[in-house]
Amino acid sequence: MARSIGDHAAATVGVISEPEITEYDIVEDDFAIIIATDGVWELLSSQQVADICHGVKSGDVQEMTEVVAEQASYMWKVEEGDYRDDITLIIIKLPWLGSAE
């Protein structure tokens, strides 16, 4: 929250309110957009999350989100014991997925 409203005290130790913006051109090989909190990205790489999603044979985004969340939760348990950061994610399947099938 401090980043969204700015925190002048934390600014002295490097906290900034400026967002990091990255642009990416979506191509036909892309199958989904995955938006997640650091509770996912802290212990799972982008490639691991993509592999988990590809491993869900049903192609159901609800199942994909559940499996990613379960794997992130498991990794927190392995790395941190009883502590776990928040794990929140949204998966948006791109409209052309399955159009060639």
Protein backbone atom coordinates (compact mmCIF):
# COMPACT_ATOMS: atom_id res chain seq x y z
CA MET A 1 0.00 0.00 0.00
CA ALA A 2 2.87 2.36 0.73
CA ARG A 3 3.89 2.30 -2.93
CA SER A 4 0.44 3.24 -4.14
CA ILE A 5 0.13 6.35 -1.96
CA GLY A 6 3.80 7.12 -1.46
CA ASP A 7 5.66 6.85 1.81
CA HIS A 8 8.09 9.68 2.45
CA ALA A 9 9.78 7.91 5.38
CA ALA A 10 10.30 4.72 3.38
CA ALA A 11 11.60 6.74 0.44
CA THR A 12 14.79 7.26 2.41
CA VAL A 13 15.48 3.51 2.19
CA GLY A 14 14.52 3.06 -1.45
CA VAL A 15 10.72 2.60 -1.50
CA ILE A 16 9.32 4.46 -4.49
CA SER A 17 5.78 5.25 -5.59
CA GLU A 18 6.65 5.11 -9.28
CA PRO A 19 5.35 1.92 -10.93
CA GLU A 20 7.55 -0.27 -13.09
CA ILE A 21 6.03 -0.43 -16.57
CA THR A 22 6.92 -3.05 -19.15
CA GLU A 23 5.40 -3.38 -22.60
CA TYR A 24 5.08 -6.68 -24.42
CA ASP A 25 3.58 -7.45 -27.83
CA ILE A 26 1.27 -10.44 -27.60
CA VAL A 27 1.89 -12.99 -30.33
CA GLU A 28 -0.07 -16.00 -31.51
CA ASP A 29 2.14 -18.41 -29.52
CA ASP A 30 1.07 -16.74 -26.24
CA PHE A 31 -1.72 -18.68 -24.58
CA ALA A 32 -2.56 -16.64 -21.49
CA ILE A 33 -1.86 -13.57 -19.41
CA ILE A 34 -1.03 -14.38 -15.81
CA ILE A 35 -1.26 -11.62 -13.23
CA ALA A 36 -0.12 -12.56 -9.73
CA THR A 37 1.14 -11.17 -6.46
CA ASP A 38 4.66 -11.66 -5.18
CA GLY A 39 3.36 -14.59 -3.14
CA VAL A 40 3.44 -16.49 -6.44
CA TRP A 41 6.49 -14.91 -8.11
CA GLU A 42 8.70 -14.98 -5.01
CA LEU A 43 9.17 -18.76 -5.21
CA LEU A 44 7.95 -19.74 -8.69
CA SER A 45 9.53 -18.56 -11.93
CA SER A 46 7.51 -17.42 -14.92
CA GLN A 47 8.54 -20.62 -16.70
CA GLN A 48 7.42 -22.81 -13.79
CA VAL A 49 4.00 -21.11 -13.74
CA ALA A 50 3.67 -21.51 -17.53
CA ASP A 51 4.63 -25.19 -17.25
CA ILE A 52 2.06 -25.72 -14.49
CA CYS A 53 -0.65 -24.11 -16.65
CA HIS A 54 0.32 -26.21 -19.69
CA GLY A 55 0.14 -29.31 -17.49
CA VAL A 56 -3.55 -28.75 -16.78
CA LYS A 57 -5.00 -30.98 -19.49
CA SER A 58 -8.55 -29.64 -19.16
CA GLY A 59 -7.40 -26.14 -20.14
CA ASP A 60 -9.73 -24.77 -17.47
CA VAL A 61 -8.43 -21.47 -16.04
CA GLN A 62 -10.03 -22.13 -12.66
CA GLU A 63 -8.11 -25.39 -12.39
CA MET A 64 -4.92 -23.66 -13.56
CA THR A 65 -5.24 -20.97 -10.88
CA GLU A 66 -5.88 -23.58 -8.20
CA VAL A 67 -2.86 -25.67 -9.21
CA VAL A 68 -0.54 -22.64 -9.36
CA ALA A 69 -1.81 -21.42 -5.97
CA GLU A 70 -1.32 -24.90 -4.47
CA GLN A 71 2.23 -25.11 -5.82
CA ALA A 72 3.08 -21.62 -4.57
CA SER A 73 1.64 -22.49 -1.15
CA TYR A 74 3.67 -25.71 -1.08
CA MET A 75 6.86 -23.81 -1.95
CA TRP A 76 6.21 -21.31 0.87
CA LYS A 77 5.80 -24.24 3.28
CA VAL A 78 9.09 -25.77 2.08
CA GLU A 79 11.03 -22.48 2.21
CA GLU A 80 9.45 -20.66 5.16
CA GLY A 81 7.62 -23.22 7.30
CA ASP A 82 4.46 -21.72 8.80
CA TYR A 83 4.88 -18.29 7.19
CA ARG A 84 3.23 -17.67 3.81
CA ASP A 85 2.85 -14.47 1.83
CA ASP A 86 -0.47 -13.75 0.16
CA ILE A 87 -1.06 -15.77 -3.00
CA THR A 88 -3.38 -14.12 -5.48
CA LEU A 89 -3.55 -14.67 -9.22
CA ILE A 90 -5.68 -14.20 -12.29
CA ILE A 91 -5.24 -16.17 -15.50
CA ILE A 92 -6.76 -14.80 -18.71
CA LYS A 93 -6.78 -17.23 -21.62
CA LEU A 94 -6.18 -15.48 -24.90
CA PRO A 95 -9.05 -15.71 -27.38
CA TRP A 96 -7.19 -17.58 -30.09
CA LEU A 97 -6.25 -20.46 -27.79
CA GLY A 98 -7.80 -23.56 -29.28
CA SER A 99 -8.93 -21.79 -32.47
CA ALA A 100 -6.64 -23.97 -34.61
CA GLU A 101 -7.85 -27.20 -33.04
